[in-house]
Amino acid sequence: MIKLHGMGLSNYYNMLKLAMMEKGIAFEEVKAAPSQAADFKTKSPMGKVPCLETPEGFLSETSVALEYLDALKPEHALLPADLYSRAKVLELMKAMELYIELPARRHYGEIFFGGERN
């Protein structure tokens, strides 16, 4: 069974979780925080979450894990088959990642942990 290592605070974790739910892929959630510990880096070389544990080994980059999941169960495609429509969805995803998600992340400390406003 596939295991999703990480935590719900991570948007990337939630992307993988939603993809597996959408595709009907059975999985187990394993709570994990980012870590530079040697044992965790065997799962995720950069020490980041999420990482996906497959029967073959670990995948630690969300976009790669999404491609793996899509190929694993192609009958429920995550992206449109039409080339242009597919490109537009990927374009929107990249824009959201670069211009919304990454800038918003700098406010996590304040919003989630009571830190000072930056």
PDB file of N, CA and C in Angstrom:
ATOM      1  N   MET A   1       0.843  -1.185   0.000  1.00  0.00           N
ATOM      2  CA  MET A   1       0.000   0.000   0.000  1.00  0.00           C
ATOM      3  C   MET A   1       0.887   1.247   0.000  1.00  0.00           C
ATOM      4  N   ILE A   2       0.443   2.250  -0.698  1.00  0.00           N
ATOM      5  CA  ILE A   2       1.156   3.525  -0.741  1.00  0.00           C
ATOM      6  C   ILE A   2       0.987   4.243   0.592  1.00  0.00           C
ATOM      7  N   LYS A   3       2.067   4.885   1.035  1.00  0.00           N
ATOM      8  CA  LYS A   3       2.013   5.664   2.265  1.00  0.00           C
ATOM      9  C   LYS A   3       2.413   7.104   1.949  1.00  0.00           C
ATOM     10  N   LEU A   4       1.629   8.032   2.462  1.00  0.00           N
ATOM     11  CA  LEU A   4       1.879   9.460   2.288  1.00  0.00           C
ATOM     12  C   LEU A   4       2.462   9.994   3.586  1.00  0.00           C
ATOM     13  N   HIS A   5       3.731  10.381   3.545  1.00  0.00           N
ATOM     14  CA  HIS A   5       4.422  10.910   4.716  1.00  0.00           C
ATOM     15  C   HIS A   5       4.376  12.432   4.676  1.00  0.00           C
ATOM     16  N   GLY A   6       3.981  13.052   5.784  1.00  0.00           N
ATOM     17  CA  GLY A   6       3.938  14.504   5.857  1.00  0.00           C
ATOM     18  C   GLY A   6       2.900  14.966   6.848  1.00  0.00           C
ATOM     19  N   MET A   7       2.381  16.176   6.593  1.00  0.00           N
ATOM     20  CA  MET A   7       1.393  16.762   7.501  1.00  0.00           C
ATOM     21  C   MET A   7       0.443  17.657   6.722  1.00  0.00           C
ATOM     22  N   GLY A   8      -0.757  17.780   7.218  1.00  0.00           N
ATOM     23  CA  GLY A   8      -1.800  18.542   6.548  1.00  0.00           C
ATOM     24  C   GLY A   8      -1.523  20.023   6.397  1.00  0.00           C
ATOM     25  N   LEU A   9      -0.549  20.547   7.120  1.00  0.00           N
ATOM     26  CA  LEU A   9      -0.189  21.956   6.992  1.00  0.00           C
ATOM     27  C   LEU A   9       0.483  22.237   5.649  1.00  0.00           C
ATOM     28  N   SER A  10       1.002  21.199   5.032  1.00  0.00           N
ATOM     29  CA  SER A  10       1.693  21.334   3.742  1.00  0.00           C
ATOM     30  C   SER A  10       0.695  21.278   2.591  1.00  0.00           C
ATOM     31  N   ASN A  11       0.685  22.322   1.785  1.00  0.00           N
ATOM     32  CA  ASN A  11      -0.172  22.317   0.600  1.00  0.00           C
ATOM     33  C   ASN A  11       0.221  21.199  -0.353  1.00  0.00           C
ATOM     34  N   TYR A  12       1.515  20.886  -0.405  1.00  0.00           N
ATOM     35  CA  TYR A  12       1.982  19.837  -1.300  1.00  0.00           C
ATOM     36  C   TYR A  12       1.513  18.465  -0.816  1.00  0.00           C
ATOM     37  N   TYR A  13       1.486  18.267   0.472  1.00  0.00           N
ATOM     38  CA  TYR A  13       0.928  17.046   1.064  1.00  0.00           C
ATOM     39  C   TYR A  13      -0.534  16.916   0.662  1.00  0.00           C
ATOM     40  N   ASN A  14      -1.265  18.004   0.786  1.00  0.00           N
ATOM     41  CA  ASN A  14      -2.685  17.993   0.457  1.00  0.00           C
ATOM     42  C   ASN A  14      -2.929  17.752  -1.029  1.00  0.00           C
ATOM     43  N   MET A  15      -2.016  18.208  -1.886  1.00  0.00           N
ATOM     44  CA  MET A  15      -2.147  17.940  -3.312  1.00  0.00           C
ATOM     45  C   MET A  15      -2.076  16.436  -3.587  1.00  0.00           C
ATOM     46  N   LEU A  16      -1.112  15.767  -2.961  1.00  0.00           N
ATOM     47  CA  LEU A  16      -0.974  14.327  -3.160  1.00  0.00           C
ATOM     48  C   LEU A  16      -2.156  13.573  -2.565  1.00  0.00           C
ATOM     49  N   LYS A  17      -2.574  13.991  -1.385  1.00  0.00           N
ATOM     50  CA  LYS A  17      -3.717  13.336  -0.734  1.00  0.00           C
ATOM     51  C   LYS A  17      -4.967  13.463  -1.601  1.00  0.00           C
ATOM     52  N   LEU A  18      -5.241  14.654  -2.083  1.00  0.00           N
ATOM     53  CA  LEU A  18      -6.414  14.873  -2.930  1.00  0.00           C
ATOM     54  C   LEU A  18      -6.329  14.064  -4.219  1.00  0.00           C
ATOM     55  N   ALA A  19      -5.140  14.002  -4.822  1.00  0.00           N
ATOM     56  CA  ALA A  19      -4.983  13.235  -6.061  1.00  0.00           C
ATOM     57  C   ALA A  19      -5.299  11.764  -5.829  1.00  0.00           C
ATOM     58  N   MET A  20      -4.799  11.203  -4.722  1.00  0.00           N
ATOM     59  CA  MET A  20      -5.074   9.788  -4.443  1.00  0.00           C
ATOM     60  C   MET A  20      -6.553   9.555  -4.142  1.00  0.00           C
ATOM     61  N   MET A  21      -7.163  10.484  -3.434  1.00  0.00           N
ATOM     62  CA  MET A  21      -8.593  10.353  -3.158  1.00  0.00           C
ATOM     63  C   MET A  21      -9.392  10.450  -4.461  1.00  0.00           C
ATOM     64  N   GLU A  22      -9.037  11.393  -5.312  1.00  0.00           N
ATOM     65  CA  GLU A  22      -9.732  11.585  -6.585  1.00  0.00           C
ATOM     66  C   GLU A  22      -9.606  10.358  -7.483  1.00  0.00           C
ATOM     67  N   LYS A  23      -8.436   9.740  -7.472  1.00  0.00           N
ATOM     68  CA  LYS A  23      -8.187   8.586  -8.320  1.00  0.00           C
ATOM     69  C   LYS A  23      -8.631   7.271  -7.691  1.00  0.00           C
ATOM     70  N   GLY A  24      -9.046   7.304  -6.429  1.00  0.00           N
ATOM     71  CA  GLY A  24      -9.479   6.092  -5.759  1.00  0.00           C
ATOM     72  C   GLY A  24      -8.334   5.154  -5.404  1.00  0.00           C
ATOM     73  N   ILE A  25      -7.170   5.728  -5.122  1.00  0.00           N
ATOM     74  CA  ILE A  25      -5.994   4.936  -4.748  1.00  0.00           C
ATOM     75  C   ILE A  25      -5.966   4.802  -3.225  1.00  0.00           C
ATOM     76  N   ALA A  26      -5.915   3.571  -2.748  1.00  0.00           N
ATOM     77  CA  ALA A  26      -5.832   3.333  -1.303  1.00  0.00           C
ATOM     78  C   ALA A  26      -4.454   3.778  -0.807  1.00  0.00           C
ATOM     79  N   PHE A  27      -4.444   4.473   0.335  1.00  0.00           N
ATOM     80  CA  PHE A  27      -3.181   4.929   0.892  1.00  0.00           C
ATOM     81  C   PHE A  27      -3.297   5.074   2.396  1.00  0.00           C
ATOM     82  N   GLU A  28      -2.150   5.111   3.030  1.00  0.00           N
ATOM     83  CA  GLU A  28      -2.069   5.317   4.471  1.00  0.00           C
ATOM     84  C   GLU A  28      -1.325   6.624   4.718  1.00  0.00           C
ATOM     85  N   GLU A  29      -1.805   7.404   5.673  1.00  0.00           N
ATOM     86  CA  GLU A  29      -1.130   8.642   6.038  1.00  0.00           C
ATOM     87  C   GLU A  29      -0.173   8.375   7.198  1.00  0.00           C
ATOM     88  N   VAL A  30       1.042   8.894   7.059  1.00  0.00           N
ATOM     89  CA  VAL A  30       2.062   8.765   8.097  1.00  0.00           C
ATOM     90  C   VAL A  30       2.484  10.172   8.492  1.00  0.00           C
ATOM     91  N   LYS A  31       2.153  10.582   9.718  1.00  0.00           N
ATOM     92  CA  LYS A  31       2.508  11.933  10.162  1.00  0.00           C
ATOM     93  C   LYS A  31       4.032  12.073  10.225  1.00  0.00           C
ATOM     94  N   ALA A  32       4.525  13.117   9.584  1.00  0.00           N
ATOM     95  CA  ALA A  32       5.965  13.378   9.573  1.00  0.00           C
ATOM     96  C   ALA A  32       6.185  14.862   9.355  1.00  0.00           C
ATOM     97  N   ALA A  33       7.178  15.392  10.019  1.00  0.00           N
ATOM     98  CA  ALA A  33       7.594  16.786   9.835  1.00  0.00           C
ATOM     99  C   ALA A  33       8.897  16.797   9.044  1.00  0.00           C
ATOM    100  N   PRO A  34       9.210  17.909   8.381  1.00  0.00           N
ATOM    101  CA  PRO A  34      10.495  17.991   7.706  1.00  0.00           C
ATOM    102  C   PRO A  34      11.619  17.709   8.696  1.00  0.00           C
ATOM    103  N   SER A  35      12.652  17.051   8.223  1.00  0.00           N
ATOM    104  CA  SER A  35      13.743  16.685   9.127  1.00  0.00           C
ATOM    105  C   SER A  35      15.036  16.497   8.354  1.00  0.00           C
ATOM    106  N   GLN A  36      16.125  16.881   8.984  1.00  0.00           N
ATOM    107  CA  GLN A  36      17.448  16.650   8.413  1.00  0.00           C
ATOM    108  C   GLN A  36      18.096  15.407   9.017  1.00  0.00           C
ATOM    109  N   ALA A  37      17.337  14.655   9.803  1.00  0.00           N
ATOM    110  CA  ALA A  37      17.858  13.417  10.392  1.00  0.00           C
ATOM    111  C   ALA A  37      18.216  12.428   9.283  1.00  0.00           C
ATOM    112  N   ALA A  38      19.295  11.716   9.486  1.00  0.00           N
ATOM    113  CA  ALA A  38      19.797  10.794   8.465  1.00  0.00           C
ATOM    114  C   ALA A  38      18.751   9.760   8.058  1.00  0.00           C
ATOM    115  N   ASP A  39      18.006   9.219   9.005  1.00  0.00           N
ATOM    116  CA  ASP A  39      17.008   8.198   8.656  1.00  0.00           C
ATOM    117  C   ASP A  39      15.880   8.775   7.806  1.00  0.00           C
ATOM    118  N   PHE A  40      15.474  10.026   8.086  1.00  0.00           N
ATOM    119  CA  PHE A  40      14.420  10.635   7.275  1.00  0.00           C
ATOM    120  C   PHE A  40      14.943  10.976   5.888  1.00  0.00           C
ATOM    121  N   LYS A  41      16.200  11.353   5.790  1.00  0.00           N
ATOM    122  CA  LYS A  41      16.767  11.719   4.485  1.00  0.00           C
ATOM    123  C   LYS A  41      16.925  10.512   3.566  1.00  0.00           C
ATOM    124  N   THR A  42      16.800   9.310   4.096  1.00  0.00           N
ATOM    125  CA  THR A  42      16.757   8.132   3.214  1.00  0.00           C
ATOM    126  C   THR A  42      15.417   8.066   2.488  1.00  0.00           C
ATOM    127  N   LYS A  43      14.401   8.710   3.049  1.00  0.00           N
ATOM    128  CA  LYS A  43      13.072   8.764   2.435  1.00  0.00           C
ATOM    129  C   LYS A  43      12.939   9.993   1.547  1.00  0.00           C
ATOM    130  N   SER A  44      13.445  11.112   2.030  1.00  0.00           N
ATOM    131  CA  SER A  44      13.347  12.390   1.331  1.00  0.00           C
ATOM    132  C   SER A  44      14.716  13.065   1.396  1.00  0.00           C
ATOM    133  N   PRO A  45      15.529  12.946   0.360  1.00  0.00           N
ATOM    134  CA  PRO A  45      16.925  13.415   0.407  1.00  0.00           C
ATOM    135  C   PRO A  45      17.118  14.873   0.836  1.00  0.00           C
ATOM    136  N   MET A  46      16.141  15.733   0.590  1.00  0.00           N
ATOM    137  CA  MET A  46      16.252  17.131   1.022  1.00  0.00           C
ATOM    138  C   MET A  46      15.639  17.333   2.406  1.00  0.00           C
ATOM    139  N   GLY A  47      15.070  16.271   2.972  1.00  0.00           N
ATOM    140  CA  GLY A  47      14.459  16.357   4.294  1.00  0.00           C
ATOM    141  C   GLY A  47      13.108  17.042   4.301  1.00  0.00           C
ATOM    142  N   LYS A  48      12.464  17.121   3.120  1.00  0.00           N
ATOM    143  CA  LYS A  48      11.186  17.829   2.993  1.00  0.00           C
ATOM    144  C   LYS A  48      10.015  16.861   3.071  1.00  0.00           C
ATOM    145  N   VAL A  49       8.856  17.409   3.369  1.00  0.00           N
ATOM    146  CA  VAL A  49       7.604  16.670   3.235  1.00  0.00           C
ATOM    147  C   VAL A  49       6.779  17.389   2.177  1.00  0.00           C
ATOM    148  N   PRO A  50       5.944  16.659   1.489  1.00  0.00           N
ATOM    149  CA  PRO A  50       5.639  15.255   1.661  1.00  0.00           C
ATOM    150  C   PRO A  50       6.633  14.372   0.925  1.00  0.00           C
ATOM    151  N   CYS A  51       6.568  13.092   1.254  1.00  0.00           N
ATOM    152  CA  CYS A  51       7.191  12.078   0.419  1.00  0.00           C
ATOM    153  C   CYS A  51       6.216  10.920   0.327  1.00  0.00           C
ATOM    154  N   LEU A  52       6.289  10.247  -0.779  1.00  0.00           N
ATOM    155  CA  LEU A  52       5.361   9.170  -1.078  1.00  0.00           C
ATOM    156  C   LEU A  52       6.135   7.857  -1.040  1.00  0.00           C
ATOM    157  N   GLU A  53       5.691   6.947  -0.194  1.00  0.00           N
ATOM    158  CA  GLU A  53       6.306   5.625  -0.102  1.00  0.00           C
ATOM    159  C   GLU A  53       5.519   4.675  -0.995  1.00  0.00           C
ATOM    160  N   THR A  54       6.179   4.178  -2.023  1.00  0.00           N
ATOM    161  CA  THR A  54       5.572   3.247  -2.966  1.00  0.00           C
ATOM    162  C   THR A  54       6.172   1.863  -2.731  1.00  0.00           C
ATOM    163  N   PRO A  55       5.594   0.828  -3.312  1.00  0.00           N
ATOM    164  CA  PRO A  55       6.199  -0.503  -3.180  1.00  0.00           C
ATOM    165  C   PRO A  55       7.631  -0.557  -3.733  1.00  0.00           C
ATOM    166  N   GLU A  56       7.943   0.345  -4.659  1.00  0.00           N
ATOM    167  CA  GLU A  56       9.261   0.364  -5.276  1.00  0.00           C
ATOM    168  C   GLU A  56      10.273   1.220  -4.521  1.00  0.00           C
ATOM    169  N   GLY A  57       9.804   2.155  -3.700  1.00  0.00           N
ATOM    170  CA  GLY A  57      10.687   3.073  -2.992  1.00  0.00           C
ATOM    171  C   GLY A  57       9.993   4.409  -2.753  1.00  0.00           C
ATOM    172  N   PHE A  58      10.775   5.412  -2.394  1.00  0.00           N
ATOM    173  CA  PHE A  58      10.237   6.720  -2.031  1.00  0.00           C
ATOM    174  C   PHE A  58      10.353   7.722  -3.174  1.00  0.00           C
ATOM    175  N   LEU A  59       9.346   8.607  -3.258  1.00  0.00           N
ATOM    176  CA  LEU A  59       9.359   9.751  -4.168  1.00  0.00           C
ATOM    177  C   LEU A  59       9.197  10.998  -3.311  1.00  0.00           C
ATOM    178  N   SER A  60      10.061  11.992  -3.531  1.00  0.00           N
ATOM    179  CA  SER A  60      10.038  13.134  -2.623  1.00  0.00           C
ATOM    180  C   SER A  60       9.667  14.463  -3.269  1.00  0.00           C
ATOM    181  N   GLU A  61       9.437  14.494  -4.539  1.00  0.00           N
ATOM    182  CA  GLU A  61       9.003  15.731  -5.187  1.00  0.00           C
ATOM    183  C   GLU A  61       7.549  15.587  -5.606  1.00  0.00           C
ATOM    184  N   THR A  62       6.728  16.538  -5.220  1.00  0.00           N
ATOM    185  CA  THR A  62       5.288  16.441  -5.437  1.00  0.00           C
ATOM    186  C   THR A  62       4.923  16.267  -6.900  1.00  0.00           C
ATOM    187  N   SER A  63       5.518  17.052  -7.789  1.00  0.00           N
ATOM    188  CA  SER A  63       5.150  16.954  -9.208  1.00  0.00           C
ATOM    189  C   SER A  63       5.491  15.580  -9.766  1.00  0.00           C
ATOM    190  N   VAL A  64       6.604  15.012  -9.341  1.00  0.00           N
ATOM    191  CA  VAL A  64       6.997  13.672  -9.784  1.00  0.00           C
ATOM    192  C   VAL A  64       6.032  12.635  -9.211  1.00  0.00           C
ATOM    193  N   ALA A  65       5.682  12.785  -7.936  1.00  0.00           N
ATOM    194  CA  ALA A  65       4.747  11.866  -7.296  1.00  0.00           C
ATOM    195  C   ALA A  65       3.373  11.932  -7.972  1.00  0.00           C
ATOM    196  N   LEU A  66       2.944  13.129  -8.367  1.00  0.00           N
ATOM    197  CA  LEU A  66       1.665  13.263  -9.071  1.00  0.00           C
ATOM    198  C   LEU A  66       1.696  12.533 -10.409  1.00  0.00           C
ATOM    199  N   GLU A  67       2.796  12.644 -11.127  1.00  0.00           N
ATOM    200  CA  GLU A  67       2.928  11.920 -12.403  1.00  0.00           C
ATOM    201  C   GLU A  67       2.897  10.416 -12.172  1.00  0.00           C
ATOM    202  N   TYR A  68       3.570   9.967 -11.120  1.00  0.00           N
ATOM    203  CA  TYR A  68       3.563   8.546 -10.762  1.00  0.00           C
ATOM    204  C   TYR A  68       2.128   8.079 -10.497  1.00  0.00           C
ATOM    205  N   LEU A  69       1.405   8.829  -9.678  1.00  0.00           N
ATOM    206  CA  LEU A  69       0.035   8.459  -9.339  1.00  0.00           C
ATOM    207  C   LEU A  69      -0.861   8.449 -10.570  1.00  0.00           C
ATOM    208  N   ASP A  70      -0.663   9.416 -11.464  1.00  0.00           N
ATOM    209  CA  ASP A  70      -1.487   9.479 -12.666  1.00  0.00           C
ATOM    210  C   ASP A  70      -1.225   8.271 -13.560  1.00  0.00           C
ATOM    211  N   ALA A  71       0.036   7.863 -13.667  1.00  0.00           N
ATOM    212  CA  ALA A  71       0.379   6.696 -14.478  1.00  0.00           C
ATOM    213  C   ALA A  71      -0.066   5.400 -13.802  1.00  0.00           C
ATOM    214  N   LEU A  72      -0.090   5.399 -12.489  1.00  0.00           N
ATOM    215  CA  LEU A  72      -0.490   4.215 -11.732  1.00  0.00           C
ATOM    216  C   LEU A  72      -1.941   3.838 -11.997  1.00  0.00           C
ATOM    217  N   LYS A  73      -2.790   4.842 -12.152  1.00  0.00           N
ATOM    218  CA  LYS A  73      -4.216   4.598 -12.396  1.00  0.00           C
ATOM    219  C   LYS A  73      -4.685   5.542 -13.506  1.00  0.00           C
ATOM    220  N   PRO A  74      -4.288   5.255 -14.749  1.00  0.00           N
ATOM    221  CA  PRO A  74      -4.550   6.185 -15.855  1.00  0.00           C
ATOM    222  C   PRO A  74      -6.020   6.343 -16.228  1.00  0.00           C
ATOM    223  N   GLU A  75      -6.862   5.405 -15.807  1.00  0.00           N
ATOM    224  CA  GLU A  75      -8.274   5.511 -16.180  1.00  0.00           C
ATOM    225  C   GLU A  75      -8.971   6.685 -15.491  1.00  0.00           C
ATOM    226  N   HIS A  76      -8.366   7.252 -14.478  1.00  0.00           N
ATOM    227  CA  HIS A  76      -8.899   8.451 -13.815  1.00  0.00           C
ATOM    228  C   HIS A  76      -7.841   9.549 -13.903  1.00  0.00           C
ATOM    229  N   ALA A  77      -7.657  10.085 -15.099  1.00  0.00           N
ATOM    230  CA  ALA A  77      -6.590  11.053 -15.372  1.00  0.00           C
ATOM    231  C   ALA A  77      -6.772  12.341 -14.568  1.00  0.00           C
ATOM    232  N   LEU A  78      -5.669  12.855 -14.066  1.00  0.00           N
ATOM    233  CA  LEU A  78      -5.688  14.128 -13.345  1.00  0.00           C
ATOM    234  C   LEU A  78      -5.688  15.320 -14.294  1.00  0.00           C
ATOM    235  N   LEU A  79      -5.220  15.111 -15.511  1.00  0.00           N
ATOM    236  CA  LEU A  79      -5.119  16.195 -16.495  1.00  0.00           C
ATOM    237  C   LEU A  79      -5.942  15.863 -17.733  1.00  0.00           C
ATOM    238  N   PRO A  80      -6.421  16.881 -18.425  1.00  0.00           N
ATOM    239  CA  PRO A  80      -7.179  16.643 -19.660  1.00  0.00           C
ATOM    240  C   PRO A  80      -6.325  15.944 -20.720  1.00  0.00           C
ATOM    241  N   ALA A  81      -6.946  15.187 -21.601  1.00  0.00           N
ATOM    242  CA  ALA A  81      -6.234  14.507 -22.681  1.00  0.00           C
ATOM    243  C   ALA A  81      -5.843  15.473 -23.791  1.00  0.00           C
ATOM    244  N   ASP A  82      -6.692  16.476 -24.039  1.00  0.00           N
ATOM    245  CA  ASP A  82      -6.416  17.463 -25.075  1.00  0.00           C
ATOM    246  C   ASP A  82      -5.135  18.221 -24.738  1.00  0.00           C
ATOM    247  N   LEU A  83      -4.207  18.288 -25.686  1.00  0.00           N
ATOM    248  CA  LEU A  83      -2.886  18.876 -25.450  1.00  0.00           C
ATOM    249  C   LEU A  83      -2.952  20.324 -24.958  1.00  0.00           C
ATOM    250  N   TYR A  84      -3.757  21.165 -25.612  1.00  0.00           N
ATOM    251  CA  TYR A  84      -3.842  22.563 -25.210  1.00  0.00           C
ATOM    252  C   TYR A  84      -4.494  22.711 -23.838  1.00  0.00           C
ATOM    253  N   SER A  85      -5.584  21.987 -23.605  1.00  0.00           N
ATOM    254  CA  SER A  85      -6.261  22.052 -22.302  1.00  0.00           C
ATOM    255  C   SER A  85      -5.330  21.591 -21.190  1.00  0.00           C
ATOM    256  N   ARG A  86      -4.577  20.551 -21.462  1.00  0.00           N
ATOM    257  CA  ARG A  86      -3.602  20.043 -20.493  1.00  0.00           C
ATOM    258  C   ARG A  86      -2.568  21.129 -20.169  1.00  0.00           C
ATOM    259  N   ALA A  87      -2.063  21.777 -21.197  1.00  0.00           N
ATOM    260  CA  ALA A  87      -1.076  22.841 -21.005  1.00  0.00           C
ATOM    261  C   ALA A  87      -1.656  23.996 -20.195  1.00  0.00           C
ATOM    262  N   LYS A  88      -2.910  24.351 -20.434  1.00  0.00           N
ATOM    263  CA  LYS A  88      -3.535  25.441 -19.686  1.00  0.00           C
ATOM    264  C   LYS A  88      -3.694  25.087 -18.208  1.00  0.00           C
ATOM    265  N   VAL A  89      -4.048  23.841 -17.902  1.00  0.00           N
ATOM    266  CA  VAL A  89      -4.158  23.412 -16.506  1.00  0.00           C
ATOM    267  C   VAL A  89      -2.784  23.482 -15.841  1.00  0.00           C
ATOM    268  N   LEU A  90      -1.752  22.991 -16.526  1.00  0.00           N
ATOM    269  CA  LEU A  90      -0.394  23.040 -15.971  1.00  0.00           C
ATOM    270  C   LEU A  90       0.086  24.480 -15.794  1.00  0.00           C
ATOM    271  N   GLU A  91      -0.291  25.352 -16.720  1.00  0.00           N
ATOM    272  CA  GLU A  91       0.055  26.763 -16.616  1.00  0.00           C
ATOM    273  C   GLU A  91      -0.578  27.386 -15.367  1.00  0.00           C
ATOM    274  N   LEU A  92      -1.846  27.097 -15.143  1.00  0.00           N
ATOM    275  CA  LEU A  92      -2.544  27.605 -13.965  1.00  0.00           C
ATOM    276  C   LEU A  92      -1.912  27.055 -12.685  1.00  0.00           C
ATOM    277  N   MET A  93      -1.582  25.772 -12.682  1.00  0.00           N
ATOM    278  CA  MET A  93      -0.948  25.163 -11.505  1.00  0.00           C
ATOM    279  C   MET A  93       0.386  25.844 -11.186  1.00  0.00           C
ATOM    280  N   LYS A  94       1.186  26.095 -12.202  1.00  0.00           N
ATOM    281  CA  LYS A  94       2.495  26.720 -11.988  1.00  0.00           C
ATOM    282  C   LYS A  94       2.327  28.151 -11.487  1.00  0.00           C
ATOM    283  N   ALA A  95       1.379  28.888 -12.042  1.00  0.00           N
ATOM    284  CA  ALA A  95       1.132  30.255 -11.593  1.00  0.00           C
ATOM    285  C   ALA A  95       0.688  30.272 -10.133  1.00  0.00           C
ATOM    286  N   MET A  96      -0.186  29.341  -9.761  1.00  0.00           N
ATOM    287  CA  MET A  96      -0.641  29.283  -8.363  1.00  0.00           C
ATOM    288  C   MET A  96       0.520  28.948  -7.427  1.00  0.00           C
ATOM    289  N   GLU A  97       1.368  28.029  -7.848  1.00  0.00           N
ATOM    290  CA  GLU A  97       2.506  27.636  -7.019  1.00  0.00           C
ATOM    291  C   GLU A  97       3.487  28.798  -6.837  1.00  0.00           C
ATOM    292  N   LEU A  98       3.866  29.436  -7.940  1.00  0.00           N
ATOM    293  CA  LEU A  98       4.898  30.477  -7.889  1.00  0.00           C
ATOM    294  C   LEU A  98       4.415  31.807  -7.325  1.00  0.00           C
ATOM    295  N   TYR A  99       3.184  32.207  -7.648  1.00  0.00           N
ATOM    296  CA  TYR A  99       2.740  33.560  -7.336  1.00  0.00           C
ATOM    297  C   TYR A  99       1.700  33.659  -6.226  1.00  0.00           C
ATOM    298  N   ILE A 100       1.180  32.525  -5.781  1.00  0.00           N
ATOM    299  CA  ILE A 100       0.215  32.541  -4.677  1.00  0.00           C
ATOM    300  C   ILE A 100       0.742  31.732  -3.500  1.00  0.00           C
ATOM    301  N   GLU A 101       1.003  30.441  -3.724  1.00  0.00           N
ATOM    302  CA  GLU A 101       1.394  29.564  -2.625  1.00  0.00           C
ATOM    303  C   GLU A 101       2.733  29.964  -2.010  1.00  0.00           C
ATOM    304  N   LEU A 102       3.755  30.151  -2.812  1.00  0.00           N
ATOM    305  CA  LEU A 102       5.076  30.477  -2.261  1.00  0.00           C
ATOM    306  C   LEU A 102       5.088  31.819  -1.518  1.00  0.00           C
ATOM    307  N   PRO A 103       4.508  32.894  -2.064  1.00  0.00           N
ATOM    308  CA  PRO A 103       4.482  34.143  -1.287  1.00  0.00           C
ATOM    309  C   PRO A 103       3.640  34.041  -0.016  1.00  0.00           C
ATOM    310  N   ALA A 104       2.552  33.282  -0.064  1.00  0.00           N
ATOM    311  CA  ALA A 104       1.698  33.148   1.120  1.00  0.00           C
ATOM    312  C   ALA A 104       2.407  32.389   2.237  1.00  0.00           C
ATOM    313  N   ARG A 105       3.317  31.513   1.878  1.00  0.00           N
ATOM    314  CA  ARG A 105       4.009  30.679   2.860  1.00  0.00           C
ATOM    315  C   ARG A 105       4.772  31.510   3.897  1.00  0.00           C
ATOM    316  N   ARG A 106       5.218  32.691   3.523  1.00  0.00           N
ATOM    317  CA  ARG A 106       5.991  33.511   4.473  1.00  0.00           C
ATOM    318  C   ARG A 106       5.140  33.971   5.658  1.00  0.00           C
ATOM    319  N   HIS A 107       3.823  33.835   5.552  1.00  0.00           N
ATOM    320  CA  HIS A 107       2.926  34.236   6.637  1.00  0.00           C
ATOM    321  C   HIS A 107       2.523  33.074   7.549  1.00  0.00           C
ATOM    322  N   TYR A 108       2.995  31.872   7.270  1.00  0.00           N
ATOM    323  CA  TYR A 108       2.631  30.701   8.070  1.00  0.00           C
ATOM    324  C   TYR A 108       2.956  30.880   9.538  1.00  0.00           C
ATOM    325  N   GLY A 109       4.136  31.413   9.834  1.00  0.00           N
ATOM    326  CA  GLY A 109       4.547  31.575  11.233  1.00  0.00           C
ATOM    327  C   GLY A 109       3.549  32.389  12.027  1.00  0.00           C
ATOM    328  N   GLU A 110       3.094  33.471  11.444  1.00  0.00           N
ATOM    329  CA  GLU A 110       2.120  34.339  12.108  1.00  0.00           C
ATOM    330  C   GLU A 110       0.751  33.668  12.196  1.00  0.00           C
ATOM    331  N   ILE A 111       0.292  33.140  11.082  1.00  0.00           N
ATOM    332  CA  ILE A 111      -1.061  32.605  11.015  1.00  0.00           C
ATOM    333  C   ILE A 111      -1.228  31.322  11.831  1.00  0.00           C
ATOM    334  N   PHE A 112      -0.291  30.410  11.694  1.00  0.00           N
ATOM    335  CA  PHE A 112      -0.449  29.100  12.324  1.00  0.00           C
ATOM    336  C   PHE A 112       0.229  28.960  13.676  1.00  0.00           C
ATOM    337  N   PHE A 113       1.264  29.777  13.941  1.00  0.00           N
ATOM    338  CA  PHE A 113       2.058  29.555  15.135  1.00  0.00           C
ATOM    339  C   PHE A 113       2.164  30.782  16.053  1.00  0.00           C
ATOM    340  N   GLY A 114       1.413  31.828  15.761  1.00  0.00           N
ATOM    341  CA  GLY A 114       1.408  33.003  16.612  1.00  0.00           C
ATOM    342  C   GLY A 114       2.685  33.823  16.563  1.00  0.00           C
ATOM    343  N   GLY A 115       3.442  33.678  15.496  1.00  0.00           N
ATOM    344  CA  GLY A 115       4.696  34.432  15.355  1.00  0.00           C
ATOM    345  C   GLY A 115       4.437  35.897  15.033  1.00  0.00           C
ATOM    346  N   GLU A 116       5.495  36.651  14.971  1.00  0.00           N
ATOM    347  CA  GLU A 116       5.412  38.074  14.641  1.00  0.00           C
ATOM    348  C   GLU A 116       5.113  38.277  13.167  1.00  0.00           C
ATOM    349  N   ARG A 117       4.383  39.340  12.863  1.00  0.00           N
ATOM    350  CA  ARG A 117       4.097  39.701  11.482  1.00  0.00           C
ATOM    351  C   ARG A 117       5.390  40.145  10.825  1.00  0.00           C
ATOM    352  N   ASN A 118       5.633  39.619   9.642  1.00  0.00           N
ATOM    353  CA  ASN A 118       6.846  39.956   8.894  1.00  0.00           C
ATOM    354  C   ASN A 118       6.536  41.138   7.978  1.00  0.00           C
TER     355      ASN A 118
END
